[in-house]
Amino acid sequence: GGRGGGNLTSSWLSPHSAAPPLPPPPAGISKSDLGMAVRGNPGRRGAEVTHVARHGLADTHGLCRGDRILYINGLKVDTEYDFDAVLNAPAPEMKVTHIPAGGEHPTTIDIRGAG
């Protein structure tokens, strides 16, 4: 069986004149995509990760509860307000500099949005 219904394609266009559709621009990574919450930690560098949603981008890229986020895309993150401000300008890619829980040395991971 084939597809039912009338044929609504623009048959007057030759098959070679139409350019392939461009892919949509990459969407920015939103807070829900990232799936992570932080809180400021007075007296310590960075903002502490308090929650990581399972299967969110933070989780799949190896961020864990207790990690400290220092920078996102080069912007300093010391409080949840900084974190929100960074995510209010969604970028398709995030470079997250963090100190793993129990660690001393910052590492940077690249988080890319789906698509």
PDB file of N, CA and C in Angstrom:
ATOM      1  N   GLY A   1       0.809  -1.199   0.000  1.00  0.00           N
ATOM      2  CA  GLY A   1       0.000   0.000   0.000  1.00  0.00           C
ATOM      3  C   GLY A   1       0.839   1.245   0.000  1.00  0.00           C
ATOM      4  N   GLY A   2       0.287   2.291  -0.638  1.00  0.00           N
ATOM      5  CA  GLY A   2       0.965   3.579  -0.658  1.00  0.00           C
ATOM      6  C   GLY A   2       0.336   4.512   0.332  1.00  0.00           C
ATOM      7  N   ARG A   3       0.756   5.743   0.341  1.00  0.00           N
ATOM      8  CA  ARG A   3       0.129   6.734   1.223  1.00  0.00           C
ATOM      9  C   ARG A   3      -1.182   7.199   0.608  1.00  0.00           C
ATOM     10  N   GLY A   4      -2.204   7.294   1.412  1.00  0.00           N
ATOM     11  CA  GLY A   4      -3.479   7.762   0.913  1.00  0.00           C
ATOM     12  C   GLY A   4      -3.469   9.269   0.780  1.00  0.00           C
ATOM     13  N   GLY A   5      -4.523   9.830   0.219  1.00  0.00           N
ATOM     14  CA  GLY A   5      -4.639  11.281   0.131  1.00  0.00           C
ATOM     15  C   GLY A   5      -4.152  11.795  -1.206  1.00  0.00           C
ATOM     16  N   GLY A   6      -4.491  13.031  -1.505  1.00  0.00           N
ATOM     17  CA  GLY A   6      -4.109  13.622  -2.786  1.00  0.00           C
ATOM     18  C   GLY A   6      -2.648  13.984  -2.798  1.00  0.00           C
ATOM     19  N   ASN A   7      -2.120  14.206  -3.981  1.00  0.00           N
ATOM     20  CA  ASN A   7      -0.736  14.596  -4.134  1.00  0.00           C
ATOM     21  C   ASN A   7      -0.658  16.115  -4.149  1.00  0.00           C
ATOM     22  N   LEU A   8      -0.118  16.683  -3.062  1.00  0.00           N
ATOM     23  CA  LEU A   8      -0.109  18.140  -2.935  1.00  0.00           C
ATOM     24  C   LEU A   8       1.265  18.744  -3.185  1.00  0.00           C
ATOM     25  N   THR A   9       2.177  17.941  -3.777  1.00  0.00           N
ATOM     26  CA  THR A   9       3.499  18.507  -4.021  1.00  0.00           C
ATOM     27  C   THR A   9       3.428  19.509  -5.162  1.00  0.00           C
ATOM     28  N   SER A  10       4.363  20.434  -5.198  1.00  0.00           N
ATOM     29  CA  SER A  10       4.398  21.442  -6.247  1.00  0.00           C
ATOM     30  C   SER A  10       5.025  20.818  -7.487  1.00  0.00           C
ATOM     31  N   SER A  11       4.178  20.211  -8.310  1.00  0.00           N
ATOM     32  CA  SER A  11       4.715  19.456  -9.431  1.00  0.00           C
ATOM     33  C   SER A  11       5.311  20.375 -10.492  1.00  0.00           C
ATOM     34  N   TRP A  12       4.978  21.669 -10.426  1.00  0.00           N
ATOM     35  CA  TRP A  12       5.501  22.566 -11.463  1.00  0.00           C
ATOM     36  C   TRP A  12       6.967  22.909 -11.229  1.00  0.00           C
ATOM     37  N   LEU A  13       7.507  22.596 -10.017  1.00  0.00           N
ATOM     38  CA  LEU A  13       8.935  22.828  -9.774  1.00  0.00           C
ATOM     39  C   LEU A  13       9.708  21.657 -10.353  1.00  0.00           C
ATOM     40  N   SER A  14      10.741  21.938 -11.111  1.00  0.00           N
ATOM     41  CA  SER A  14      11.569  20.833 -11.564  1.00  0.00           C
ATOM     42  C   SER A  14      12.334  20.299 -10.367  1.00  0.00           C
ATOM     43  N   PRO A  15      12.648  19.029 -10.347  1.00  0.00           N
ATOM     44  CA  PRO A  15      13.287  18.453  -9.154  1.00  0.00           C
ATOM     45  C   PRO A  15      14.654  19.064  -8.859  1.00  0.00           C
ATOM     46  N   HIS A  16      15.263  19.753  -9.821  1.00  0.00           N
ATOM     47  CA  HIS A  16      16.615  20.246  -9.599  1.00  0.00           C
ATOM     48  C   HIS A  16      16.654  21.708  -9.186  1.00  0.00           C
ATOM     49  N   SER A  17      15.511  22.391  -9.221  1.00  0.00           N
ATOM     50  CA  SER A  17      15.566  23.826  -8.955  1.00  0.00           C
ATOM     51  C   SER A  17      15.478  24.133  -7.463  1.00  0.00           C
ATOM     52  N   ALA A  18      14.921  23.219  -6.677  1.00  0.00           N
ATOM     53  CA  ALA A  18      14.737  23.502  -5.255  1.00  0.00           C
ATOM     54  C   ALA A  18      16.000  23.143  -4.486  1.00  0.00           C
ATOM     55  N   ALA A  19      16.546  24.097  -3.747  1.00  0.00           N
ATOM     56  CA  ALA A  19      17.702  23.801  -2.899  1.00  0.00           C
ATOM     57  C   ALA A  19      17.213  23.001  -1.701  1.00  0.00           C
ATOM     58  N   PRO A  20      18.060  22.135  -1.162  1.00  0.00           N
ATOM     59  CA  PRO A  20      17.639  21.407   0.042  1.00  0.00           C
ATOM     60  C   PRO A  20      17.404  22.394   1.178  1.00  0.00           C
ATOM     61  N   PRO A  21      16.433  22.125   2.018  1.00  0.00           N
ATOM     62  CA  PRO A  21      16.161  23.066   3.117  1.00  0.00           C
ATOM     63  C   PRO A  21      17.359  23.145   4.057  1.00  0.00           C
ATOM     64  N   LEU A  22      17.632  24.336   4.549  1.00  0.00           N
ATOM     65  CA  LEU A  22      18.742  24.499   5.484  1.00  0.00           C
ATOM     66  C   LEU A  22      18.336  23.941   6.843  1.00  0.00           C
ATOM     67  N   PRO A  23      19.290  23.344   7.558  1.00  0.00           N
ATOM     68  CA  PRO A  23      18.938  22.883   8.903  1.00  0.00           C
ATOM     69  C   PRO A  23      18.618  24.085   9.782  1.00  0.00           C
ATOM     70  N   PRO A  24      17.732  23.922  10.739  1.00  0.00           N
ATOM     71  CA  PRO A  24      17.418  25.043  11.623  1.00  0.00           C
ATOM     72  C   PRO A  24      18.654  25.444  12.411  1.00  0.00           C
ATOM     73  N   PRO A  25      18.749  26.703  12.809  1.00  0.00           N
ATOM     74  CA  PRO A  25      19.911  27.109  13.598  1.00  0.00           C
ATOM     75  C   PRO A  25      19.926  26.330  14.906  1.00  0.00           C
ATOM     76  N   PRO A  26      21.116  26.011  15.427  1.00  0.00           N
ATOM     77  CA  PRO A  26      21.159  25.236  16.659  1.00  0.00           C
ATOM     78  C   PRO A  26      20.511  26.006  17.802  1.00  0.00           C
ATOM     79  N   ALA A  27      19.671  25.322  18.518  1.00  0.00           N
ATOM     80  CA  ALA A  27      19.015  25.976  19.647  1.00  0.00           C
ATOM     81  C   ALA A  27      19.990  26.068  20.810  1.00  0.00           C
ATOM     82  N   GLY A  28      19.803  27.064  21.618  1.00  0.00           N
ATOM     83  CA  GLY A  28      20.652  27.175  22.794  1.00  0.00           C
ATOM     84  C   GLY A  28      20.295  26.123  23.822  1.00  0.00           C
ATOM     85  N   ILE A  29      21.238  25.855  24.687  1.00  0.00           N
ATOM     86  CA  ILE A  29      21.014  24.905  25.765  1.00  0.00           C
ATOM     87  C   ILE A  29      20.249  25.632  26.872  1.00  0.00           C
ATOM     88  N   SER A  30      19.093  25.126  27.214  1.00  0.00           N
ATOM     89  CA  SER A  30      18.289  25.760  28.262  1.00  0.00           C
ATOM     90  C   SER A  30      18.602  25.127  29.609  1.00  0.00           C
ATOM     91  N   LYS A  31      18.055  25.749  30.645  1.00  0.00           N
ATOM     92  CA  LYS A  31      18.260  25.221  31.992  1.00  0.00           C
ATOM     93  C   LYS A  31      17.711  23.803  32.108  1.00  0.00           C
ATOM     94  N   SER A  32      16.562  23.564  31.464  1.00  0.00           N
ATOM     95  CA  SER A  32      15.987  22.219  31.570  1.00  0.00           C
ATOM     96  C   SER A  32      16.794  21.205  30.758  1.00  0.00           C
ATOM     97  N   ASP A  33      17.379  21.645  29.628  1.00  0.00           N
ATOM     98  CA  ASP A  33      18.255  20.751  28.868  1.00  0.00           C
ATOM     99  C   ASP A  33      19.443  20.334  29.731  1.00  0.00           C
ATOM    100  N   LEU A  34      20.000  21.324  30.412  1.00  0.00           N
ATOM    101  CA  LEU A  34      21.202  21.082  31.201  1.00  0.00           C
ATOM    102  C   LEU A  34      20.886  20.177  32.383  1.00  0.00           C
ATOM    103  N   GLY A  35      19.738  20.425  33.016  1.00  0.00           N
ATOM    104  CA  GLY A  35      19.312  19.556  34.108  1.00  0.00           C
ATOM    105  C   GLY A  35      20.213  19.650  35.320  1.00  0.00           C
ATOM    106  N   MET A  36      20.487  20.868  35.764  1.00  0.00           N
ATOM    107  CA  MET A  36      21.420  21.032  36.876  1.00  0.00           C
ATOM    108  C   MET A  36      21.004  22.241  37.699  1.00  0.00           C
ATOM    109  N   ALA A  37      21.156  22.144  39.006  1.00  0.00           N
ATOM    110  CA  ALA A  37      20.918  23.289  39.881  1.00  0.00           C
ATOM    111  C   ALA A  37      22.176  23.532  40.700  1.00  0.00           C
ATOM    112  N   VAL A  38      22.432  24.815  40.993  1.00  0.00           N
ATOM    113  CA  VAL A  38      23.620  25.160  41.782  1.00  0.00           C
ATOM    114  C   VAL A  38      23.218  26.124  42.890  1.00  0.00           C
ATOM    115  N   ARG A  39      24.117  26.280  43.855  1.00  0.00           N
ATOM    116  CA  ARG A  39      23.917  27.315  44.866  1.00  0.00           C
ATOM    117  C   ARG A  39      25.275  27.923  45.184  1.00  0.00           C
ATOM    118  N   GLY A  40      25.238  29.196  45.544  1.00  0.00           N
ATOM    119  CA  GLY A  40      26.463  29.866  45.928  1.00  0.00           C
ATOM    120  C   GLY A  40      27.004  29.245  47.205  1.00  0.00           C
ATOM    121  N   ASN A  41      28.314  29.297  47.363  1.00  0.00           N
ATOM    122  CA  ASN A  41      28.944  28.661  48.504  1.00  0.00           C
ATOM    123  C   ASN A  41      29.926  29.670  49.097  1.00  0.00           C
ATOM    124  N   PRO A  42      29.449  30.559  49.956  1.00  0.00           N
ATOM    125  CA  PRO A  42      30.300  31.646  50.452  1.00  0.00           C
ATOM    126  C   PRO A  42      31.607  31.111  51.027  1.00  0.00           C
ATOM    127  N   GLY A  43      32.685  31.799  50.676  1.00  0.00           N
ATOM    128  CA  GLY A  43      33.980  31.401  51.188  1.00  0.00           C
ATOM    129  C   GLY A  43      34.691  30.368  50.338  1.00  0.00           C
ATOM    130  N   ARG A  44      33.998  29.821  49.343  1.00  0.00           N
ATOM    131  CA  ARG A  44      34.654  28.873  48.440  1.00  0.00           C
ATOM    132  C   ARG A  44      34.460  29.353  47.013  1.00  0.00           C
ATOM    133  N   ARG A  45      35.416  28.987  46.173  1.00  0.00           N
ATOM    134  CA  ARG A  45      35.295  29.351  44.764  1.00  0.00           C
ATOM    135  C   ARG A  45      34.154  28.596  44.118  1.00  0.00           C
ATOM    136  N   GLY A  46      33.471  29.285  43.237  1.00  0.00           N
ATOM    137  CA  GLY A  46      32.493  28.614  42.397  1.00  0.00           C
ATOM    138  C   GLY A  46      31.160  28.395  43.078  1.00  0.00           C
ATOM    139  N   ALA A  47      30.236  27.845  42.305  1.00  0.00           N
ATOM    140  CA  ALA A  47      28.895  27.530  42.789  1.00  0.00           C
ATOM    141  C   ALA A  47      28.772  26.014  42.856  1.00  0.00           C
ATOM    142  N   GLU A  48      28.257  25.530  43.968  1.00  0.00           N
ATOM    143  CA  GLU A  48      28.184  24.088  44.164  1.00  0.00           C
ATOM    144  C   GLU A  48      26.970  23.498  43.463  1.00  0.00           C
ATOM    145  N   VAL A  49      27.176  22.376  42.792  1.00  0.00           N
ATOM    146  CA  VAL A  49      26.074  21.675  42.131  1.00  0.00           C
ATOM    147  C   VAL A  49      25.257  20.953  43.205  1.00  0.00           C
ATOM    148  N   THR A  50      23.977  21.289  43.288  1.00  0.00           N
ATOM    149  CA  THR A  50      23.120  20.693  44.308  1.00  0.00           C
ATOM    150  C   THR A  50      22.213  19.603  43.745  1.00  0.00           C
ATOM    151  N   HIS A  51      22.035  19.593  42.430  1.00  0.00           N
ATOM    152  CA  HIS A  51      21.110  18.635  41.832  1.00  0.00           C
ATOM    153  C   HIS A  51      21.513  18.403  40.386  1.00  0.00           C
ATOM    154  N   VAL A  52      21.509  17.140  39.979  1.00  0.00           N
ATOM    155  CA  VAL A  52      21.746  16.786  38.581  1.00  0.00           C
ATOM    156  C   VAL A  52      20.622  15.845  38.148  1.00  0.00           C
ATOM    157  N   ALA A  53      19.874  16.267  37.130  1.00  0.00           N
ATOM    158  CA  ALA A  53      18.766  15.439  36.643  1.00  0.00           C
ATOM    159  C   ALA A  53      19.312  14.281  35.817  1.00  0.00           C
ATOM    160  N   ARG A  54      18.743  13.105  36.038  1.00  0.00           N
ATOM    161  CA  ARG A  54      19.188  11.945  35.262  1.00  0.00           C
ATOM    162  C   ARG A  54      18.938  12.170  33.778  1.00  0.00           C
ATOM    163  N   HIS A  55      19.957  11.860  32.986  1.00  0.00           N
ATOM    164  CA  HIS A  55      19.895  11.923  31.525  1.00  0.00           C
ATOM    165  C   HIS A  55      19.879  13.345  30.978  1.00  0.00           C
ATOM    166  N   GLY A  56      19.977  14.346  31.837  1.00  0.00           N
ATOM    167  CA  GLY A  56      20.164  15.709  31.332  1.00  0.00           C
ATOM    168  C   GLY A  56      21.583  15.849  30.793  1.00  0.00           C
ATOM    169  N   LEU A  57      21.871  16.974  30.140  1.00  0.00           N
ATOM    170  CA  LEU A  57      23.200  17.162  29.549  1.00  0.00           C
ATOM    171  C   LEU A  57      24.298  17.189  30.608  1.00  0.00           C
ATOM    172  N   ALA A  58      23.992  17.764  31.770  1.00  0.00           N
ATOM    173  CA  ALA A  58      25.006  17.784  32.830  1.00  0.00           C
ATOM    174  C   ALA A  58      25.363  16.355  33.236  1.00  0.00           C
ATOM    175  N   ASP A  59      24.328  15.543  33.409  1.00  0.00           N
ATOM    176  CA  ASP A  59      24.522  14.147  33.810  1.00  0.00           C
ATOM    177  C   ASP A  59      25.310  13.376  32.749  1.00  0.00           C
ATOM    178  N   THR A  60      24.888  13.500  31.496  1.00  0.00           N
ATOM    179  CA  THR A  60      25.526  12.705  30.450  1.00  0.00           C
ATOM    180  C   THR A  60      26.947  13.175  30.158  1.00  0.00           C
ATOM    181  N   HIS A  61      27.288  14.399  30.586  1.00  0.00           N
ATOM    182  CA  HIS A  61      28.654  14.888  30.390  1.00  0.00           C
ATOM    183  C   HIS A  61      29.514  14.738  31.649  1.00  0.00           C
ATOM    184  N   GLY A  62      28.956  14.082  32.655  1.00  0.00           N
ATOM    185  CA  GLY A  62      29.779  13.712  33.803  1.00  0.00           C
ATOM    186  C   GLY A  62      29.805  14.700  34.954  1.00  0.00           C
ATOM    187  N   LEU A  63      28.906  15.690  34.941  1.00  0.00           N
ATOM    188  CA  LEU A  63      28.840  16.581  36.101  1.00  0.00           C
ATOM    189  C   LEU A  63      28.068  15.890  37.217  1.00  0.00           C
ATOM    190  N   CYS A  64      28.501  16.120  38.453  1.00  0.00           N
ATOM    191  CA  CYS A  64      27.914  15.428  39.599  1.00  0.00           C
ATOM    192  C   CYS A  64      27.572  16.412  40.703  1.00  0.00           C
ATOM    193  N   ARG A  65      26.655  15.982  41.554  1.00  0.00           N
ATOM    194  CA  ARG A  65      26.336  16.734  42.739  1.00  0.00           C
ATOM    195  C   ARG A  65      27.610  16.912  43.575  1.00  0.00           C
ATOM    196  N   GLY A  66      27.818  18.118  44.074  1.00  0.00           N
ATOM    197  CA  GLY A  66      29.017  18.369  44.864  1.00  0.00           C
ATOM    198  C   GLY A  66      30.169  18.960  44.059  1.00  0.00           C
ATOM    199  N   ASP A  67      30.083  18.877  42.727  1.00  0.00           N
ATOM    200  CA  ASP A  67      31.072  19.570  41.895  1.00  0.00           C
ATOM    201  C   ASP A  67      30.915  21.073  42.091  1.00  0.00           C
ATOM    202  N   ARG A  68      31.978  21.811  41.830  1.00  0.00           N
ATOM    203  CA  ARG A  68      31.881  23.268  41.893  1.00  0.00           C
ATOM    204  C   ARG A  68      32.088  23.849  40.502  1.00  0.00           C
ATOM    205  N   ILE A  69      31.106  24.607  40.055  1.00  0.00           N
ATOM    206  CA  ILE A  69      31.173  25.253  38.744  1.00  0.00           C
ATOM    207  C   ILE A  69      31.904  26.582  38.914  1.00  0.00           C
ATOM    208  N   LEU A  70      32.975  26.782  38.159  1.00  0.00           N
ATOM    209  CA  LEU A  70      33.733  28.030  38.243  1.00  0.00           C
ATOM    210  C   LEU A  70      33.358  28.995  37.124  1.00  0.00           C
ATOM    211  N   TYR A  71      33.323  28.483  35.905  1.00  0.00           N
ATOM    212  CA  TYR A  71      33.016  29.321  34.739  1.00  0.00           C
ATOM    213  C   TYR A  71      32.130  28.547  33.789  1.00  0.00           C
ATOM    214  N   ILE A  72      31.256  29.277  33.101  1.00  0.00           N
ATOM    215  CA  ILE A  72      30.534  28.727  31.956  1.00  0.00           C
ATOM    216  C   ILE A  72      30.768  29.691  30.798  1.00  0.00           C
ATOM    217  N   ASN A  73      31.333  29.170  29.726  1.00  0.00           N
ATOM    218  CA  ASN A  73      31.687  29.998  28.562  1.00  0.00           C
ATOM    219  C   ASN A  73      32.504  31.220  28.958  1.00  0.00           C
ATOM    220  N   GLY A  74      33.405  31.031  29.920  1.00  0.00           N
ATOM    221  CA  GLY A  74      34.304  32.106  30.306  1.00  0.00           C
ATOM    222  C   GLY A  74      33.716  33.095  31.293  1.00  0.00           C
ATOM    223  N   LEU A  75      32.431  32.941  31.622  1.00  0.00           N
ATOM    224  CA  LEU A  75      31.790  33.847  32.589  1.00  0.00           C
ATOM    225  C   LEU A  75      31.851  33.218  33.971  1.00  0.00           C
ATOM    226  N   LYS A  76      32.264  34.010  34.935  1.00  0.00           N
ATOM    227  CA  LYS A  76      32.438  33.499  36.290  1.00  0.00           C
ATOM    228  C   LYS A  76      31.088  33.157  36.911  1.00  0.00           C
ATOM    229  N   VAL A  77      31.019  32.000  37.525  1.00  0.00           N
ATOM    230  CA  VAL A  77      29.789  31.563  38.186  1.00  0.00           C
ATOM    231  C   VAL A  77      30.098  31.364  39.665  1.00  0.00           C
ATOM    232  N   ASP A  78      29.575  32.264  40.502  1.00  0.00           N
ATOM    233  CA  ASP A  78      29.781  32.138  41.946  1.00  0.00           C
ATOM    234  C   ASP A  78      28.480  31.883  42.689  1.00  0.00           C
ATOM    235  N   THR A  79      27.359  32.207  42.056  1.00  0.00           N
ATOM    236  CA  THR A  79      26.058  32.068  42.725  1.00  0.00           C
ATOM    237  C   THR A  79      25.041  31.525  41.726  1.00  0.00           C
ATOM    238  N   GLU A  80      23.893  31.151  42.253  1.00  0.00           N
ATOM    239  CA  GLU A  80      22.824  30.696  41.366  1.00  0.00           C
ATOM    240  C   GLU A  80      22.356  31.818  40.439  1.00  0.00           C
ATOM    241  N   TYR A  81      22.536  33.069  40.860  1.00  0.00           N
ATOM    242  CA  TYR A  81      22.144  34.197  39.998  1.00  0.00           C
ATOM    243  C   TYR A  81      23.067  34.288  38.787  1.00  0.00           C
ATOM    244  N   ASP A  82      24.363  34.071  39.018  1.00  0.00           N
ATOM    245  CA  ASP A  82      25.309  34.043  37.896  1.00  0.00           C
ATOM    246  C   ASP A  82      24.931  32.918  36.928  1.00  0.00           C
ATOM    247  N   PHE A  83      24.619  31.781  37.516  1.00  0.00           N
ATOM    248  CA  PHE A  83      24.262  30.600  36.721  1.00  0.00           C
ATOM    249  C   PHE A  83      23.046  30.891  35.845  1.00  0.00           C
ATOM    250  N   ASP A  84      22.011  31.495  36.464  1.00  0.00           N
ATOM    251  CA  ASP A  84      20.806  31.834  35.705  1.00  0.00           C
ATOM    252  C   ASP A  84      21.111  32.849  34.608  1.00  0.00           C
ATOM    253  N   ALA A  85      21.972  33.814  34.920  1.00  0.00           N
ATOM    254  CA  ALA A  85      22.291  34.858  33.940  1.00  0.00           C
ATOM    255  C   ALA A  85      22.980  34.250  32.722  1.00  0.00           C
ATOM    256  N   VAL A  86      23.879  33.302  32.948  1.00  0.00           N
ATOM    257  CA  VAL A  86      24.556  32.645  31.825  1.00  0.00           C
ATOM    258  C   VAL A  86      23.533  31.897  30.972  1.00  0.00           C
ATOM    259  N   LEU A  87      22.603  31.212  31.629  1.00  0.00           N
ATOM    260  CA  LEU A  87      21.633  30.396  30.890  1.00  0.00           C
ATOM    261  C   LEU A  87      20.536  31.230  30.245  1.00  0.00           C
ATOM    262  N   ASN A  88      20.434  32.514  30.622  1.00  0.00           N
ATOM    263  CA  ASN A  88      19.457  33.379  29.964  1.00  0.00           C
ATOM    264  C   ASN A  88      19.902  33.769  28.564  1.00  0.00           C
ATOM    265  N   ALA A  89      21.157  33.530  28.241  1.00  0.00           N
ATOM    266  CA  ALA A  89      21.654  33.765  26.894  1.00  0.00           C
ATOM    267  C   ALA A  89      22.099  32.414  26.337  1.00  0.00           C
ATOM    268  N   PRO A  90      21.132  31.583  25.923  1.00  0.00           N
ATOM    269  CA  PRO A  90      21.472  30.209  25.578  1.00  0.00           C
ATOM    270  C   PRO A  90      22.464  30.132  24.425  1.00  0.00           C
ATOM    271  N   ALA A  91      23.450  29.294  24.577  1.00  0.00           N
ATOM    272  CA  ALA A  91      24.415  29.032  23.520  1.00  0.00           C
ATOM    273  C   ALA A  91      24.296  27.566  23.141  1.00  0.00           C
ATOM    274  N   PRO A  92      24.561  27.231  21.881  1.00  0.00           N
ATOM    275  CA  PRO A  92      24.450  25.825  21.479  1.00  0.00           C
ATOM    276  C   PRO A  92      25.538  24.955  22.105  1.00  0.00           C
ATOM    277  N   GLU A  93      26.533  25.602  22.668  1.00  0.00           N
ATOM    278  CA  GLU A  93      27.639  24.859  23.249  1.00  0.00           C
ATOM    279  C   GLU A  93      28.028  25.560  24.540  1.00  0.00           C
ATOM    280  N   MET A  94      28.384  24.789  25.551  1.00  0.00           N
ATOM    281  CA  MET A  94      28.828  25.377  26.815  1.00  0.00           C
ATOM    282  C   MET A  94      30.157  24.782  27.202  1.00  0.00           C
ATOM    283  N   LYS A  95      31.105  25.654  27.511  1.00  0.00           N
ATOM    284  CA  LYS A  95      32.353  25.194  28.094  1.00  0.00           C
ATOM    285  C   LYS A  95      32.229  25.407  29.597  1.00  0.00           C
ATOM    286  N   VAL A  96      32.167  24.318  30.328  1.00  0.00           N
ATOM    287  CA  VAL A  96      31.954  24.386  31.770  1.00  0.00           C
ATOM    288  C   VAL A  96      33.262  24.032  32.479  1.00  0.00           C
ATOM    289  N   THR A  97      33.802  25.014  33.201  1.00  0.00           N
ATOM    290  CA  THR A  97      34.998  24.767  33.998  1.00  0.00           C
ATOM    291  C   THR A  97      34.547  24.472  35.414  1.00  0.00           C
ATOM    292  N   HIS A  98      34.923  23.299  35.907  1.00  0.00           N
ATOM    293  CA  HIS A  98      34.437  22.887  37.220  1.00  0.00           C
ATOM    294  C   HIS A  98      35.542  22.156  37.971  1.00  0.00           C
ATOM    295  N   ILE A  99      35.382  22.114  39.278  1.00  0.00           N
ATOM    296  CA  ILE A  99      36.250  21.295  40.125  1.00  0.00           C
ATOM    297  C   ILE A  99      35.407  20.110  40.589  1.00  0.00           C
ATOM    298  N   PRO A 100      35.798  18.904  40.202  1.00  0.00           N
ATOM    299  CA  PRO A 100      35.014  17.738  40.612  1.00  0.00           C
ATOM    300  C   PRO A 100      34.925  17.638  42.135  1.00  0.00           C
ATOM    301  N   ALA A 101      33.826  17.074  42.619  1.00  0.00           N
ATOM    302  CA  ALA A 101      33.651  16.907  44.056  1.00  0.00           C
ATOM    303  C   ALA A 101      34.853  16.168  44.634  1.00  0.00           C
ATOM    304  N   GLY A 102      35.417  16.727  45.690  1.00  0.00           N
ATOM    305  CA  GLY A 102      36.558  16.088  46.318  1.00  0.00           C
ATOM    306  C   GLY A 102      37.869  16.321  45.589  1.00  0.00           C
ATOM    307  N   GLY A 103      37.827  17.066  44.485  1.00  0.00           N
ATOM    308  CA  GLY A 103      39.042  17.304  43.720  1.00  0.00           C
ATOM    309  C   GLY A 103      39.596  18.688  43.988  1.00  0.00           C
ATOM    310  N   GLU A 104      40.751  18.961  43.420  1.00  0.00           N
ATOM    311  CA  GLU A 104      41.403  20.252  43.604  1.00  0.00           C
ATOM    312  C   GLU A 104      41.539  21.007  42.295  1.00  0.00           C
ATOM    313  N   HIS A 105      41.649  20.286  41.188  1.00  0.00           N
ATOM    314  CA  HIS A 105      42.059  20.917  39.941  1.00  0.00           C
ATOM    315  C   HIS A 105      40.877  21.070  39.005  1.00  0.00           C
ATOM    316  N   PRO A 106      40.695  22.284  38.491  1.00  0.00           N
ATOM    317  CA  PRO A 106      39.589  22.515  37.565  1.00  0.00           C
ATOM    318  C   PRO A 106      39.804  21.778  36.246  1.00  0.00           C
ATOM    319  N   THR A 107      38.729  21.286  35.680  1.00  0.00           N
ATOM    320  CA  THR A 107      38.757  20.752  34.329  1.00  0.00           C
ATOM    321  C   THR A 107      37.635  21.414  33.563  1.00  0.00           C
ATOM    322  N   THR A 108      37.779  21.457  32.251  1.00  0.00           N
ATOM    323  CA  THR A 108      36.747  22.065  31.411  1.00  0.00           C
ATOM    324  C   THR A 108      36.140  20.993  30.527  1.00  0.00           C
ATOM    325  N   ILE A 109      34.817  20.947  30.505  1.00  0.00           N
ATOM    326  CA  ILE A 109      34.143  20.008  29.619  1.00  0.00           C
ATOM    327  C   ILE A 109      33.307  20.804  28.622  1.00  0.00           C
ATOM    328  N   ASP A 110      33.134  20.234  27.451  1.00  0.00           N
ATOM    329  CA  ASP A 110      32.320  20.824  26.387  1.00  0.00           C
ATOM    330  C   ASP A 110      30.964  20.152  26.411  1.00  0.00           C
ATOM    331  N   ILE A 111      29.930  20.945  26.598  1.00  0.00           N
ATOM    332  CA  ILE A 111      28.580  20.405  26.548  1.00  0.00           C
ATOM    333  C   ILE A 111      27.923  20.948  25.280  1.00  0.00           C
ATOM    334  N   ARG A 112      27.466  20.055  24.442  1.00  0.00           N
ATOM    335  CA  ARG A 112      26.792  20.471  23.212  1.00  0.00           C
ATOM    336  C   ARG A 112      25.333  20.083  23.296  1.00  0.00           C
ATOM    337  N   GLY A 113      24.497  20.947  22.804  1.00  0.00           N
ATOM    338  CA  GLY A 113      23.074  20.653  22.798  1.00  0.00           C
ATOM    339  C   GLY A 113      22.752  19.574  21.769  1.00  0.00           C
ATOM    340  N   ALA A 114      21.632  18.940  21.952  1.00  0.00           N
ATOM    341  CA  ALA A 114      21.201  17.936  20.989  1.00  0.00           C
ATOM    342  C   ALA A 114      20.906  18.621  19.669  1.00  0.00           C
ATOM    343  N   GLY A 115      21.232  17.939  18.570  1.00  0.00           N
ATOM    344  CA  GLY A 115      20.951  18.522  17.266  1.00  0.00           C
ATOM    345  C   GLY A 115      22.103  19.327  16.836  1.00  0.00           C
TER     346      GLY A 115
END
